[in-house]
C-alpha atoms as a PDB file:
ATOM      1  CA  UNK A   1     -35.461 -43.445 -47.010  1.00  0.00           C
ATOM      2  CA  UNK A   2     -33.543 -41.234 -49.347  1.00  0.00           C
ATOM      3  CA  UNK A   3     -36.403 -41.551 -51.814  1.00  0.00           C
ATOM      4  CA  UNK A   4     -38.927 -40.805 -49.068  1.00  0.00           C
ATOM      5  CA  UNK A   5     -36.989 -37.758 -47.990  1.00  0.00           C
ATOM      6  CA  UNK A   6     -36.679 -36.575 -51.588  1.00  0.00           C
ATOM      7  CA  UNK A   7     -40.450 -37.051 -52.014  1.00  0.00           C
ATOM      8  CA  UNK A   8     -40.853 -34.663 -49.097  1.00  0.00           C
ATOM      9  CA  UNK A   9     -38.484 -32.064 -50.529  1.00  0.00           C
ATOM     10  CA  UNK A  10     -35.251 -33.203 -48.870  1.00  0.00           C
ATOM     11  CA  UNK A  11     -32.172 -34.474 -50.590  1.00  0.00           C
ATOM     12  CA  UNK A  12     -29.329 -36.288 -48.822  1.00  0.00           C
ATOM     13  CA  UNK A  13     -26.839 -34.721 -51.228  1.00  0.00           C
ATOM     14  CA  UNK A  14     -28.109 -31.158 -51.084  1.00  0.00           C
ATOM     15  CA  UNK A  15     -26.303 -28.611 -48.993  1.00  0.00           C
ATOM     16  CA  UNK A  16     -27.974 -27.525 -45.801  1.00  0.00           C
ATOM     17  CA  UNK A  17     -29.733 -24.200 -45.858  1.00  0.00           C
ATOM     18  CA  UNK A  18     -27.987 -21.436 -43.965  1.00  0.00           C
ATOM     19  CA  UNK A  19     -29.740 -20.838 -40.661  1.00  0.00           C
ATOM     20  CA  UNK A  20     -31.577 -17.591 -40.120  1.00  0.00           C
ATOM     21  CA  UNK A  21     -29.692 -15.667 -37.409  1.00  0.00           C
ATOM     22  CA  UNK A  22     -32.965 -15.116 -35.539  1.00  0.00           C
ATOM     23  CA  UNK A  23     -33.995 -18.754 -35.840  1.00  0.00           C
ATOM     24  CA  UNK A  24     -33.557 -21.301 -33.057  1.00  0.00           C
ATOM     25  CA  UNK A  25     -33.382 -24.157 -35.544  1.00  0.00           C
ATOM     26  CA  UNK A  26     -30.264 -25.126 -37.477  1.00  0.00           C
ATOM     27  CA  UNK A  27     -30.540 -27.003 -40.715  1.00  0.00           C
ATOM     28  CA  UNK A  28     -28.131 -29.895 -40.842  1.00  0.00           C
ATOM     29  CA  UNK A  29     -27.372 -31.980 -43.926  1.00  0.00           C
ATOM     30  CA  UNK A  30     -29.174 -35.304 -44.034  1.00  0.00           C
ATOM     31  CA  UNK A  31     -26.879 -38.310 -43.861  1.00  0.00           C
ATOM     32  CA  UNK A  32     -27.292 -41.325 -46.119  1.00  0.00           C
ATOM     33  CA  UNK A  33     -29.265 -44.159 -44.569  1.00  0.00           C
ATOM     34  CA  UNK A  34     -28.572 -47.888 -44.767  1.00  0.00           C
ATOM     35  CA  UNK A  35     -30.987 -49.871 -46.975  1.00  0.00           C
ATOM     36  CA  UNK A  36     -32.197 -51.822 -43.934  1.00  0.00           C
ATOM     37  CA  UNK A  37     -33.182 -48.629 -42.128  1.00  0.00           C
ATOM     38  CA  UNK A  38     -34.620 -47.112 -45.289  1.00  0.00           C
ATOM     39  CA  UNK A  39     -36.908 -50.109 -45.795  1.00  0.00           C
ATOM     40  CA  UNK A  40     -38.128 -49.950 -42.186  1.00  0.00           C
ATOM     41  CA  UNK A  41     -38.895 -46.244 -42.474  1.00  0.00           C
ATOM     42  CA  UNK A  42     -40.732 -46.878 -45.754  1.00  0.00           C
ATOM     43  CA  UNK A  43     -42.733 -49.633 -44.042  1.00  0.00           C
ATOM     44  CA  UNK A  44     -43.632 -47.390 -41.109  1.00  0.00           C
ATOM     45  CA  UNK A  45     -44.613 -44.516 -43.406  1.00  0.00           C
ATOM     46  CA  UNK A  46     -46.791 -46.788 -45.535  1.00  0.00           C
ATOM     47  CA  UNK A  47     -48.443 -48.228 -42.413  1.00  0.00           C
ATOM     48  CA  UNK A  48     -49.148 -44.734 -41.154  1.00  0.00           C
ATOM     49  CA  UNK A  49     -50.628 -43.627 -44.473  1.00  0.00           C
ATOM     50  CA  UNK A  50     -52.743 -46.798 -44.635  1.00  0.00           C
ATOM     51  CA  UNK A  51     -54.117 -46.224 -41.140  1.00  0.00           C
ATOM     52  CA  UNK A  52     -54.863 -42.614 -41.938  1.00  0.00           C
ATOM     53  CA  UNK A  53     -56.592 -43.533 -45.206  1.00  0.00           C
ATOM     54  CA  UNK A  54     -58.620 -46.275 -43.491  1.00  0.00           C
ATOM     55  CA  UNK A  55     -59.687 -43.795 -40.833  1.00  0.00           C
ATOM     56  CA  UNK A  56     -60.675 -41.246 -43.472  1.00  0.00           C
ATOM     57  CA  UNK A  57     -62.698 -43.918 -45.281  1.00  0.00           C
ATOM     58  CA  UNK A  58     -65.042 -44.346 -42.325  1.00  0.00           C
ATOM     59  CA  UNK A  59     -68.458 -43.325 -43.599  1.00  0.00           C
ATOM     60  CA  UNK A  60     -69.712 -40.335 -41.658  1.00  0.00           C
ATOM     61  CA  UNK A  61     -71.519 -38.654 -44.520  1.00  0.00           C
ATOM     62  CA  UNK A  62     -74.926 -40.173 -45.256  1.00  0.00           C
ATOM     63  CA  UNK A  63     -75.060 -38.126 -48.457  1.00  0.00           C
ATOM     64  CA  UNK A  64     -72.032 -39.827 -50.027  1.00  0.00           C
ATOM     65  CA  UNK A  65     -72.279 -40.463 -53.740  1.00  0.00           C
ATOM     66  CA  UNK A  66     -73.131 -43.968 -54.899  1.00  0.00           C
ATOM     67  CA  UNK A  67     -69.994 -46.040 -55.135  1.00  0.00           C
ATOM     68  CA  UNK A  68     -67.939 -43.895 -52.737  1.00  0.00           C
ATOM     69  CA  UNK A  69     -67.806 -46.572 -50.053  1.00  0.00           C
ATOM     70  CA  UNK A  70     -66.551 -49.170 -52.514  1.00  0.00           C
ATOM     71  CA  UNK A  71     -63.990 -46.779 -54.028  1.00  0.00           C
ATOM     72  CA  UNK A  72     -62.636 -45.963 -50.594  1.00  0.00           C
ATOM     73  CA  UNK A  73     -62.490 -49.632 -49.594  1.00  0.00           C
ATOM     74  CA  UNK A  74     -60.644 -50.514 -52.803  1.00  0.00           C
ATOM     75  CA  UNK A  75     -58.169 -47.710 -52.179  1.00  0.00           C
ATOM     76  CA  UNK A  76     -57.527 -49.010 -48.658  1.00  0.00           C
ATOM     77  CA  UNK A  77     -57.019 -52.527 -50.066  1.00  0.00           C
ATOM     78  CA  UNK A  78     -54.543 -51.177 -52.623  1.00  0.00           C
ATOM     79  CA  UNK A  79     -52.600 -49.427 -49.884  1.00  0.00           C
ATOM     80  CA  UNK A  80     -52.673 -52.585 -47.754  1.00  0.00           C
ATOM     81  CA  UNK A  81     -51.081 -54.511 -50.608  1.00  0.00           C
ATOM     82  CA  UNK A  82     -48.402 -51.830 -50.820  1.00  0.00           C
ATOM     83  CA  UNK A  83     -47.826 -52.275 -47.077  1.00  0.00           C
ATOM     84  CA  UNK A  84     -47.304 -56.022 -47.569  1.00  0.00           C
ATOM     85  CA  UNK A  85     -44.765 -55.301 -50.295  1.00  0.00           C
ATOM     86  CA  UNK A  86     -42.906 -52.912 -48.014  1.00  0.00           C
ATOM     87  CA  UNK A  87     -42.925 -55.535 -45.236  1.00  0.00           C
ATOM     88  CA  UNK A  88     -41.439 -58.122 -47.623  1.00  0.00           C
ATOM     89  CA  UNK A  89     -38.688 -55.668 -48.564  1.00  0.00           C
ATOM     90  CA  UNK A  90     -37.974 -54.855 -44.906  1.00  0.00           C
ATOM     91  CA  UNK A  91     -37.775 -58.555 -44.049  1.00  0.00           C
ATOM     92  CA  UNK A  92     -35.400 -59.219 -46.930  1.00  0.00           C
ATOM     93  CA  UNK A  93     -33.194 -56.348 -45.785  1.00  0.00           C
ATOM     94  CA  UNK A  94     -33.107 -57.979 -42.333  1.00  0.00           C
ATOM     95  CA  UNK A  95     -31.923 -61.224 -43.932  1.00  0.00           C
ATOM     96  CA  UNK A  96     -35.146 -63.169 -43.531  1.00  0.00           C
ATOM     97  CA  UNK A  97     -35.430 -65.935 -46.123  1.00  0.00           C
END
């Protein structure tokens, strides 16, 4: 999860930003996460991105360029394989053999 958070501009080791006095939100430092939890978050994020990509790949444009449908399907397949890899990692972190 630390890597996921860093990919999104967060760092577990960075100091929290000072809150704006007029802001309702306080910025708290992000705590380190156990590998088991990190792998489950990575799995959930990958599943979400796969579902979103699959939804976006639904052909609604009849004027799509030749090969677009296949390119989109191959991209979804690639992301599905990534999801399987994340699931294997999450299972290993849970102790599944």
